PDB file of N, CA and C in Angstrom:
ATOM      1  N   MET A   1     -27.751  -8.389 -24.163  1.00  0.00           N
ATOM      2  CA  MET A   1     -28.722  -7.524 -23.522  1.00  0.00           C
ATOM      3  C   MET A   1     -28.549  -7.622 -22.010  1.00  0.00           C
ATOM      4  N   SER A   2     -28.550  -6.474 -21.364  1.00  0.00           N
ATOM      5  CA  SER A   2     -28.379  -6.415 -19.924  1.00  0.00           C
ATOM      6  C   SER A   2     -29.671  -5.940 -19.288  1.00  0.00           C
ATOM      7  N   LEU A   3     -30.019  -6.551 -18.167  1.00  0.00           N
ATOM      8  CA  LEU A   3     -31.242  -6.206 -17.459  1.00  0.00           C
ATOM      9  C   LEU A   3     -30.879  -5.820 -16.033  1.00  0.00           C
ATOM     10  N   THR A   4     -31.414  -4.715 -15.571  1.00  0.00           N
ATOM     11  CA  THR A   4     -31.182  -4.278 -14.205  1.00  0.00           C
ATOM     12  C   THR A   4     -32.474  -4.369 -13.428  1.00  0.00           C
ATOM     13  N   LEU A   5     -32.407  -5.004 -12.282  1.00  0.00           N
ATOM     14  CA  LEU A   5     -33.564  -5.146 -11.413  1.00  0.00           C
ATOM     15  C   LEU A   5     -33.315  -4.302 -10.167  1.00  0.00           C
ATOM     16  N   THR A   6     -34.243  -3.422  -9.861  1.00  0.00           N
ATOM     17  CA  THR A   6     -34.113  -2.577  -8.681  1.00  0.00           C
ATOM     18  C   THR A   6     -34.991  -3.134  -7.578  1.00  0.00           C
ATOM     19  N   LEU A   7     -34.352  -3.426  -6.426  1.00  0.00           N
ATOM     20  CA  LEU A   7     -35.069  -3.984  -5.288  1.00  0.00           C
ATOM     21  C   LEU A   7     -34.924  -3.057  -4.084  1.00  0.00           C
ATOM     22  N   THR A   8     -35.923  -3.090  -3.229  1.00  0.00           N
ATOM     23  CA  THR A   8     -35.782  -2.402  -1.956  1.00  0.00           C
ATOM     24  C   THR A   8     -34.888  -3.255  -1.061  1.00  0.00           C
ATOM     25  N   LYS A   9     -34.429  -2.664   0.010  1.00  0.00           N
ATOM     26  CA  LYS A   9     -33.616  -3.422   0.971  1.00  0.00           C
ATOM     27  C   LYS A   9     -34.403  -4.617   1.490  1.00  0.00           C
ATOM     28  N   GLU A  10     -35.669  -4.412   1.784  1.00  0.00           N
ATOM     29  CA  GLU A  10     -36.505  -5.497   2.304  1.00  0.00           C
ATOM     30  C   GLU A  10     -36.651  -6.621   1.287  1.00  0.00           C
ATOM     31  N   GLN A  11     -36.824  -6.279   0.008  1.00  0.00           N
ATOM     32  CA  GLN A  11     -36.941  -7.299  -1.026  1.00  0.00           C
ATOM     33  C   GLN A  11     -35.643  -8.091  -1.182  1.00  0.00           C
ATOM     34  N   ALA A  12     -34.520  -7.381  -1.136  1.00  0.00           N
ATOM     35  CA  ALA A  12     -33.230  -8.061  -1.248  1.00  0.00           C
ATOM     36  C   ALA A  12     -33.029  -9.006  -0.070  1.00  0.00           C
ATOM     37  N   LEU A  13     -33.375  -8.549   1.136  1.00  0.00           N
ATOM     38  CA  LEU A  13     -33.247  -9.409   2.306  1.00  0.00           C
ATOM     39  C   LEU A  13     -34.175 -10.613   2.224  1.00  0.00           C
ATOM     40  N   ASP A  14     -35.388 -10.400   1.744  1.00  0.00           N
ATOM     41  CA  ASP A  14     -36.310 -11.527   1.573  1.00  0.00           C
ATOM     42  C   ASP A  14     -35.718 -12.586   0.643  1.00  0.00           C
ATOM     43  N   LEU A  15     -35.097 -12.141  -0.448  1.00  0.00           N
ATOM     44  CA  LEU A  15     -34.453 -13.094  -1.367  1.00  0.00           C
ATOM     45  C   LEU A  15     -33.293 -13.801  -0.685  1.00  0.00           C
ATOM     46  N   LEU A  16     -32.505 -13.060   0.059  1.00  0.00           N
ATOM     47  CA  LEU A  16     -31.366 -13.649   0.758  1.00  0.00           C
ATOM     48  C   LEU A  16     -31.834 -14.697   1.765  1.00  0.00           C
ATOM     49  N   TYR A  17     -32.895 -14.403   2.491  1.00  0.00           N
ATOM     50  CA  TYR A  17     -33.408 -15.343   3.490  1.00  0.00           C
ATOM     51  C   TYR A  17     -33.886 -16.647   2.858  1.00  0.00           C
ATOM     52  N   GLN A  18     -34.256 -16.616   1.592  1.00  0.00           N
ATOM     53  CA  GLN A  18     -34.727 -17.810   0.905  1.00  0.00           C
ATOM     54  C   GLN A  18     -33.591 -18.718   0.434  1.00  0.00           C
ATOM     55  N   MET A  19     -32.377 -18.234   0.476  1.00  0.00           N
ATOM     56  CA  MET A  19     -31.237 -19.010  -0.017  1.00  0.00           C
ATOM     57  C   MET A  19     -30.805 -20.050   1.017  1.00  0.00           C
ATOM     58  N   PRO A  20     -30.197 -21.133   0.531  1.00  0.00           N
ATOM     59  CA  PRO A  20     -29.625 -22.112   1.463  1.00  0.00           C
ATOM     60  C   PRO A  20     -28.519 -21.450   2.291  1.00  0.00           C
ATOM     61  N   PRO A  21     -28.278 -21.935   3.509  1.00  0.00           N
ATOM     62  CA  PRO A  21     -27.303 -21.302   4.406  1.00  0.00           C
ATOM     63  C   PRO A  21     -25.919 -21.085   3.784  1.00  0.00           C
ATOM     64  N   GLU A  22     -25.404 -22.061   3.052  1.00  0.00           N
ATOM     65  CA  GLU A  22     -24.059 -21.900   2.475  1.00  0.00           C
ATOM     66  C   GLU A  22     -24.027 -20.813   1.405  1.00  0.00           C
ATOM     67  N   GLU A  23     -25.117 -20.630   0.678  1.00  0.00           N
ATOM     68  CA  GLU A  23     -25.172 -19.563  -0.321  1.00  0.00           C
ATOM     69  C   GLU A  23     -25.313 -18.200   0.355  1.00  0.00           C
ATOM     70  N   LYS A  24     -26.087 -18.149   1.446  1.00  0.00           N
ATOM     71  CA  LYS A  24     -26.190 -16.905   2.206  1.00  0.00           C
ATOM     72  C   LYS A  24     -24.805 -16.477   2.683  1.00  0.00           C
ATOM     73  N   MET A  25     -24.061 -17.446   3.226  1.00  0.00           N
ATOM     74  CA  MET A  25     -22.729 -17.142   3.740  1.00  0.00           C
ATOM     75  C   MET A  25     -21.828 -16.636   2.618  1.00  0.00           C
ATOM     76  N   ALA A  26     -21.908 -17.257   1.448  1.00  0.00           N
ATOM     77  CA  ALA A  26     -21.079 -16.827   0.320  1.00  0.00           C
ATOM     78  C   ALA A  26     -21.426 -15.396  -0.092  1.00  0.00           C
ATOM     79  N   VAL A  27     -22.706 -15.065  -0.099  1.00  0.00           N
ATOM     80  CA  VAL A  27     -23.132 -13.705  -0.451  1.00  0.00           C
ATOM     81  C   VAL A  27     -22.619 -12.712   0.595  1.00  0.00           C
ATOM     82  N   LEU A  28     -22.762 -13.049   1.863  1.00  0.00           N
ATOM     83  CA  LEU A  28     -22.318 -12.146   2.924  1.00  0.00           C
ATOM     84  C   LEU A  28     -20.808 -11.957   2.913  1.00  0.00           C
ATOM     85  N   VAL A  29     -20.069 -13.032   2.651  1.00  0.00           N
ATOM     86  CA  VAL A  29     -18.613 -12.916   2.571  1.00  0.00           C
ATOM     87  C   VAL A  29     -18.224 -12.020   1.404  1.00  0.00           C
ATOM     88  N   GLU A  30     -18.874 -12.181   0.258  1.00  0.00           N
ATOM     89  CA  GLU A  30     -18.579 -11.343  -0.909  1.00  0.00           C
ATOM     90  C   GLU A  30     -18.895  -9.878  -0.620  1.00  0.00           C
ATOM     91  N   MET A  31     -20.015  -9.621   0.030  1.00  0.00           N
ATOM     92  CA  MET A  31     -20.381  -8.242   0.353  1.00  0.00           C
ATOM     93  C   MET A  31     -19.389  -7.635   1.338  1.00  0.00           C
ATOM     94  N   ALA A  32     -18.976  -8.407   2.329  1.00  0.00           N
ATOM     95  CA  ALA A  32     -18.001  -7.909   3.303  1.00  0.00           C
ATOM     96  C   ALA A  32     -16.661  -7.637   2.622  1.00  0.00           C
ATOM     97  N   THR A  33     -16.268  -8.500   1.705  1.00  0.00           N
ATOM     98  CA  THR A  33     -15.015  -8.310   0.977  1.00  0.00           C
ATOM     99  C   THR A  33     -15.061  -7.029   0.155  1.00  0.00           C
ATOM    100  N   GLN A  34     -16.152  -6.812  -0.553  1.00  0.00           N
ATOM    101  CA  GLN A  34     -16.288  -5.598  -1.354  1.00  0.00           C
ATOM    102  C   GLN A  34     -16.293  -4.354  -0.470  1.00  0.00           C
ATOM    103  N   ALA A  35     -16.968  -4.428   0.661  1.00  0.00           N
ATOM    104  CA  ALA A  35     -17.007  -3.281   1.577  1.00  0.00           C
ATOM    105  C   ALA A  35     -15.612  -2.982   2.110  1.00  0.00           C
ATOM    106  N   ARG A  36     -14.860  -4.018   2.480  1.00  0.00           N
ATOM    107  CA  ARG A  36     -13.507  -3.827   3.001  1.00  0.00           C
ATOM    108  C   ARG A  36     -12.603  -3.239   1.929  1.00  0.00           C
ATOM    109  N   GLU A  37     -12.700  -3.746   0.702  1.00  0.00           N
ATOM    110  CA  GLU A  37     -11.877  -3.214  -0.392  1.00  0.00           C
ATOM    111  C   GLU A  37     -12.217  -1.756  -0.669  1.00  0.00           C
ATOM    112  N   GLY A  38     -13.496  -1.419  -0.623  1.00  0.00           N
ATOM    113  CA  GLY A  38     -13.901  -0.031  -0.820  1.00  0.00           C
ATOM    114  C   GLY A  38     -13.381   0.865   0.286  1.00  0.00           C
ATOM    115  N   HIS A  39     -13.444   0.366   1.508  1.00  0.00           N
ATOM    116  CA  HIS A  39     -12.932   1.125   2.654  1.00  0.00           C
ATOM    117  C   HIS A  39     -11.428   1.349   2.519  1.00  0.00           C
ATOM    118  N   GLU A  40     -10.691   0.323   2.146  1.00  0.00           N
ATOM    119  CA  GLU A  40      -9.242   0.446   1.986  1.00  0.00           C
ATOM    120  C   GLU A  40      -8.882   1.432   0.879  1.00  0.00           C
ATOM    121  N   ALA A  41      -9.634   1.392  -0.223  1.00  0.00           N
ATOM    122  CA  ALA A  41      -9.375   2.327  -1.333  1.00  0.00           C
ATOM    123  C   ALA A  41      -9.623   3.767  -0.882  1.00  0.00           C
ATOM    124  N   ARG A  42     -10.706   3.989  -0.135  1.00  0.00           N
ATOM    125  CA  ARG A  42     -10.997   5.344   0.376  1.00  0.00           C
ATOM    126  C   ARG A  42      -9.926   5.796   1.365  1.00  0.00           C
ATOM    127  N   ARG A  43      -9.487   4.882   2.223  1.00  0.00           N
ATOM    128  CA  ARG A  43      -8.456   5.209   3.205  1.00  0.00           C
ATOM    129  C   ARG A  43      -7.157   5.610   2.517  1.00  0.00           C
ATOM    130  N   ARG A  44      -6.755   4.839   1.494  1.00  0.00           N
ATOM    131  CA  ARG A  44      -5.526   5.175   0.766  1.00  0.00           C
ATOM    132  C   ARG A  44      -5.656   6.534   0.079  1.00  0.00           C
ATOM    133  N   HIS A  45      -6.802   6.787  -0.526  1.00  0.00           N
ATOM    134  CA  HIS A  45      -7.038   8.060  -1.209  1.00  0.00           C
ATOM    135  C   HIS A  45      -6.969   9.219  -0.210  1.00  0.00           C
ATOM    136  N   LEU A  46      -7.624   9.064   0.933  1.00  0.00           N
ATOM    137  CA  LEU A  46      -7.624  10.134   1.931  1.00  0.00           C
ATOM    138  C   LEU A  46      -6.240  10.353   2.522  1.00  0.00           C
ATOM    139  N   HIS A  47      -5.495   9.286   2.762  1.00  0.00           N
ATOM    140  CA  HIS A  47      -4.122   9.455   3.264  1.00  0.00           C
ATOM    141  C   HIS A  47      -3.270  10.213   2.259  1.00  0.00           C
ATOM    142  N   SER A  48      -3.467   9.917   0.984  1.00  0.00           N
ATOM    143  CA  SER A  48      -2.729  10.630  -0.056  1.00  0.00           C
ATOM    144  C   SER A  48      -3.075  12.111  -0.042  1.00  0.00           C
ATOM    145  N   LYS A  49      -4.358  12.423   0.103  1.00  0.00           N
ATOM    146  CA  LYS A  49      -4.791  13.826   0.133  1.00  0.00           C
ATOM    147  C   LYS A  49      -4.249  14.543   1.361  1.00  0.00           C
ATOM    148  N   VAL A  50      -4.243  13.883   2.512  1.00  0.00           N
ATOM    149  CA  VAL A  50      -3.720  14.501   3.730  1.00  0.00           C
ATOM    150  C   VAL A  50      -2.227  14.777   3.571  1.00  0.00           C
ATOM    151  N   ARG A  51      -1.503  13.828   3.001  1.00  0.00           N
ATOM    152  CA  ARG A  51      -0.066  14.038   2.783  1.00  0.00           C
ATOM    153  C   ARG A  51       0.164  15.229   1.834  1.00  0.00           C
ATOM    154  N   GLN A  52      -0.685  15.370   0.824  1.00  0.00           N
ATOM    155  CA  GLN A  52      -0.566  16.502  -0.100  1.00  0.00           C
ATOM    156  C   GLN A  52      -0.831  17.820   0.621  1.00  0.00           C
ATOM    157  N   LEU A  53      -1.859  17.847   1.473  1.00  0.00           N
ATOM    158  CA  LEU A  53      -2.151  19.064   2.240  1.00  0.00           C
ATOM    159  C   LEU A  53      -0.982  19.426   3.151  1.00  0.00           C
ATOM    160  N   CYS A  54      -0.408  18.422   3.779  1.00  0.00           N
ATOM    161  CA  CYS A  54       0.763  18.667   4.636  1.00  0.00           C
ATOM    162  C   CYS A  54       1.904  19.258   3.817  1.00  0.00           C
ATOM    163  N   ALA A  55       2.182  18.637   2.684  1.00  0.00           N
ATOM    164  CA  ALA A  55       3.298  19.088   1.850  1.00  0.00           C
ATOM    165  C   ALA A  55       3.089  20.541   1.414  1.00  0.00           C
ATOM    166  N   LYS A  56       1.848  20.923   1.084  1.00  0.00           N
ATOM    167  CA  LYS A  56       1.556  22.300   0.691  1.00  0.00           C
ATOM    168  C   LYS A  56       1.861  23.287   1.820  1.00  0.00           C
ATOM    169  N   ARG A  57       1.789  22.787   3.045  1.00  0.00           N
ATOM    170  CA  ARG A  57       2.047  23.646   4.207  1.00  0.00           C
ATOM    171  C   ARG A  57       3.448  23.435   4.782  1.00  0.00           C
ATOM    172  N   GLY A  58       4.272  22.720   4.024  1.00  0.00           N
ATOM    173  CA  GLY A  58       5.650  22.497   4.443  1.00  0.00           C
ATOM    174  C   GLY A  58       5.801  21.491   5.572  1.00  0.00           C
ATOM    175  N   LEU A  59       4.834  20.594   5.714  1.00  0.00           N
ATOM    176  CA  LEU A  59       4.858  19.597   6.784  1.00  0.00           C
ATOM    177  C   LEU A  59       5.022  18.197   6.197  1.00  0.00           C
ATOM    178  N   ASP A  60       5.498  17.284   7.019  1.00  0.00           N
ATOM    179  CA  ASP A  60       5.667  15.884   6.610  1.00  0.00           C
ATOM    180  C   ASP A  60       4.783  15.011   7.498  1.00  0.00           C
ATOM    181  N   TRP A  61       3.679  14.532   6.948  1.00  0.00           N
ATOM    182  CA  TRP A  61       2.721  13.712   7.690  1.00  0.00           C
ATOM    183  C   TRP A  61       3.394  12.520   8.356  1.00  0.00           C
ATOM    184  N   ASP A  62       4.289  11.862   7.629  1.00  0.00           N
ATOM    185  CA  ASP A  62       4.927  10.658   8.161  1.00  0.00           C
ATOM    186  C   ASP A  62       5.869  10.953   9.321  1.00  0.00           C
ATOM    187  N   ALA A  63       6.370  12.168   9.398  1.00  0.00           N
ATOM    188  CA  ALA A  63       7.282  12.538  10.484  1.00  0.00           C
ATOM    189  C   ALA A  63       6.540  13.114  11.687  1.00  0.00           C
ATOM    190  N   MET A  64       5.247  13.375  11.531  1.00  0.00           N
ATOM    191  CA  MET A  64       4.462  13.985  12.597  1.00  0.00           C
ATOM    192  C   MET A  64       4.079  12.950  13.652  1.00  0.00           C
ATOM    193  N   GLY A  65       4.020  13.410  14.900  1.00  0.00           N
ATOM    194  CA  GLY A  65       3.530  12.568  15.984  1.00  0.00           C
ATOM    195  C   GLY A  65       2.008  12.529  15.962  1.00  0.00           C
ATOM    196  N   GLU A  66       1.444  11.662  16.781  1.00  0.00           N
ATOM    197  CA  GLU A  66      -0.011  11.499  16.822  1.00  0.00           C
ATOM    198  C   GLU A  66      -0.719  12.805  17.175  1.00  0.00           C
ATOM    199  N   GLN A  67      -0.227  13.523  18.169  1.00  0.00           N
ATOM    200  CA  GLN A  67      -0.867  14.783  18.570  1.00  0.00           C
ATOM    201  C   GLN A  67      -0.747  15.825  17.464  1.00  0.00           C
ATOM    202  N   GLU A  68       0.407  15.878  16.799  1.00  0.00           N
ATOM    203  CA  GLU A  68       0.585  16.820  15.686  1.00  0.00           C
ATOM    204  C   GLU A  68      -0.399  16.512  14.560  1.00  0.00           C
ATOM    205  N   ARG A  69      -0.597  15.236  14.288  1.00  0.00           N
ATOM    206  CA  ARG A  69      -1.562  14.844  13.252  1.00  0.00           C
ATOM    207  C   ARG A  69      -2.975  15.254  13.642  1.00  0.00           C
ATOM    208  N   GLU A  70      -3.344  14.990  14.900  1.00  0.00           N
ATOM    209  CA  GLU A  70      -4.681  15.375  15.362  1.00  0.00           C
ATOM    210  C   GLU A  70      -4.872  16.882  15.276  1.00  0.00           C
ATOM    211  N   ASP A  71      -3.870  17.632  15.677  1.00  0.00           N
ATOM    212  CA  ASP A  71      -3.956  19.099  15.612  1.00  0.00           C
ATOM    213  C   ASP A  71      -4.067  19.574  14.169  1.00  0.00           C
ATOM    214  N   PHE A  72      -3.317  18.952  13.273  1.00  0.00           N
ATOM    215  CA  PHE A  72      -3.365  19.323  11.860  1.00  0.00           C
ATOM    216  C   PHE A  72      -4.763  19.075  11.291  1.00  0.00           C
ATOM    217  N   ILE A  73      -5.313  17.883  11.553  1.00  0.00           N
ATOM    218  CA  ILE A  73      -6.647  17.553  11.048  1.00  0.00           C
ATOM    219  C   ILE A  73      -7.683  18.492  11.657  1.00  0.00           C
ATOM    220  N   ASP A  74      -7.568  18.781  12.942  1.00  0.00           N
ATOM    221  CA  ASP A  74      -8.490  19.706  13.597  1.00  0.00           C
ATOM    222  C   ASP A  74      -8.427  21.083  12.929  1.00  0.00           C
ATOM    223  N   ALA A  75      -7.224  21.543  12.622  1.00  0.00           N
ATOM    224  CA  ALA A  75      -7.066  22.844  11.959  1.00  0.00           C
ATOM    225  C   ALA A  75      -7.691  22.828  10.566  1.00  0.00           C
ATOM    226  N   ILE A  76      -7.517  21.741   9.844  1.00  0.00           N
ATOM    227  CA  ILE A  76      -8.103  21.612   8.499  1.00  0.00           C
ATOM    228  C   ILE A  76      -9.628  21.656   8.588  1.00  0.00           C
ATOM    229  N   VAL A  77     -10.173  20.900   9.522  1.00  0.00           N
ATOM    230  CA  VAL A  77     -11.628  20.817   9.664  1.00  0.00           C
ATOM    231  C   VAL A  77     -12.229  22.168  10.016  1.00  0.00           C
ATOM    232  N   HIS A  78     -11.522  22.926  10.833  1.00  0.00           N
ATOM    233  CA  HIS A  78     -12.078  24.187  11.330  1.00  0.00           C
ATOM    234  C   HIS A  78     -11.555  25.439  10.620  1.00  0.00           C
ATOM    235  N   GLU A  79     -10.730  25.301   9.598  1.00  0.00           N
ATOM    236  CA  GLU A  79     -10.113  26.486   9.000  1.00  0.00           C
ATOM    237  C   GLU A  79     -11.106  27.422   8.321  1.00  0.00           C
ATOM    238  N   ASP A  80     -12.249  26.944   7.879  1.00  0.00           N
ATOM    239  CA  ASP A  80     -13.233  27.803   7.220  1.00  0.00           C
ATOM    240  C   ASP A  80     -14.282  28.344   8.176  1.00  0.00           C
ATOM    241  N   ARG A  81     -14.205  27.979   9.438  1.00  0.00           N
ATOM    242  CA  ARG A  81     -15.190  28.437  10.416  1.00  0.00           C
ATOM    243  C   ARG A  81     -14.735  29.742  11.044  1.00  0.00           C
ATOM    244  N   ALA A  82     -15.701  30.529  11.444  1.00  0.00           N
ATOM    245  CA  ALA A  82     -15.405  31.821  12.065  1.00  0.00           C
ATOM    246  C   ALA A  82     -14.620  31.665  13.353  1.00  0.00           C
ATOM    247  N   CYS A  83     -14.812  30.539  14.061  1.00  0.00           N
ATOM    248  CA  CYS A  83     -14.125  30.361  15.358  1.00  0.00           C
ATOM    249  C   CYS A  83     -12.622  30.213  15.192  1.00  0.00           C
ATOM    250  N   SER A  84     -12.150  29.908  13.994  1.00  0.00           N
ATOM    251  CA  SER A  84     -10.700  29.733  13.790  1.00  0.00           C
ATOM    252  C   SER A  84     -10.032  31.029  13.412  1.00  0.00           C
ATOM    253  N   GLN A  85     -10.799  32.085  13.229  1.00  0.00           N
ATOM    254  CA  GLN A  85     -10.213  33.356  12.784  1.00  0.00           C
ATOM    255  C   GLN A  85     -10.092  34.356  13.895  1.00  0.00           C
TER     256      GLN A  85
END
Protein backbone atom coordinates (compact mmCIF):
# COMPACT_ATOMS: atom_id res chain seq x y z
CA MET A 1 0.00 0.00 0.00
CA SER A 2 1.30 3.42 -0.97
CA LEU A 3 0.42 6.63 0.81
CA THR A 4 0.90 10.11 -0.60
CA LEU A 5 1.10 13.10 1.69
CA THR A 6 0.57 16.54 0.18
CA LEU A 7 2.32 19.39 1.96
CA THR A 8 2.52 23.09 1.32
CA LYS A 9 5.94 24.59 0.75
CA GLU A 10 5.80 26.08 4.24
CA GLN A 11 4.96 22.70 5.80
CA ALA A 12 7.79 20.99 3.94
CA LEU A 13 10.22 23.69 5.07
CA ASP A 14 9.01 23.39 8.65
CA LEU A 15 9.76 19.66 8.54
CA LEU A 16 13.16 20.29 7.00
CA TYR A 17 14.04 22.84 9.69
CA GLN A 18 13.33 20.21 12.35
CA MET A 19 15.93 17.81 10.94
CA PRO A 20 19.47 17.55 12.27
CA PRO A 21 21.97 19.61 10.22
CA GLU A 22 23.58 16.61 8.49
CA GLU A 23 20.19 15.29 7.38
CA LYS A 24 19.18 18.73 6.11
CA MET A 25 22.38 18.82 4.06
CA ALA A 26 21.70 15.35 2.65
CA VAL A 27 18.18 16.39 1.62
CA LEU A 28 19.43 19.60 0.00
CA VAL A 29 22.20 17.77 -1.86
CA GLU A 30 19.69 15.21 -3.16
CA MET A 31 17.31 17.95 -4.29
CA ALA A 32 20.12 19.84 -6.02
CA THR A 33 21.26 16.64 -7.73
CA GLN A 34 17.76 15.91 -9.01
CA ALA A 35 17.34 19.50 -10.21
CA ARG A 36 20.69 19.37 -12.05
CA GLU A 37 19.84 16.03 -13.67
CA GLY A 38 16.46 17.38 -14.76
CA HIS A 39 18.10 20.49 -16.18
CA GLU A 40 20.66 18.42 -18.10
CA ALA A 41 17.93 16.16 -19.52
CA ARG A 42 15.93 19.20 -20.70
CA ARG A 43 19.06 20.78 -22.18
CA ARG A 44 19.90 17.62 -24.14
CA HIS A 45 16.31 17.34 -25.38
CA LEU A 46 16.22 20.99 -26.48
CA HIS A 47 19.60 20.74 -28.23
CA SER A 48 18.30 17.72 -30.11
CA LYS A 49 15.19 19.64 -31.17
CA VAL A 50 17.23 22.66 -32.29
CA ARG A 51 19.50 20.43 -34.36
CA GLN A 52 16.41 18.86 -35.97
CA LEU A 53 14.99 22.31 -36.80
CA CYS A 54 18.31 23.29 -38.35
CA ALA A 55 18.47 20.11 -40.40
CA LYS A 56 14.92 20.73 -41.71
CA ARG A 57 16.15 24.10 -42.96
CA GLY A 58 19.34 22.70 -44.44
CA LEU A 59 21.56 24.09 -41.67
CA ASP A 60 24.13 22.44 -39.40
CA TRP A 61 23.89 23.69 -35.80
CA ASP A 62 27.33 22.35 -34.93
CA ALA A 63 28.95 24.21 -37.83
CA MET A 64 27.22 27.51 -37.02
CA GLY A 65 29.00 30.35 -35.25
CA GLU A 66 27.61 31.95 -32.10
CA GLN A 67 26.00 34.85 -33.98
CA GLU A 68 24.46 32.48 -36.54
CA ARG A 69 22.98 30.43 -33.71
CA GLU A 70 21.58 33.53 -32.01
CA ASP A 71 20.07 34.72 -35.29
CA PHE A 72 18.57 31.28 -35.95
CA ILE A 73 16.98 31.11 -32.48
CA ASP A 74 15.72 34.69 -32.84
CA ALA A 75 14.12 33.78 -36.18
CA ILE A 76 12.49 30.69 -34.67
CA VAL A 77 11.11 32.66 -31.73
CA HIS A 78 9.68 35.38 -33.93
CA GLU A 79 8.60 33.41 -37.02
CA ASP A 80 4.91 33.34 -36.02
CA ARG A 81 4.74 37.03 -35.13
CA ALA A 82 3.45 39.66 -37.51
CA CYS A 83 6.70 41.65 -37.15
CA SER A 84 8.62 38.89 -38.96
CA GLN A 85 6.42 39.03 -42.04
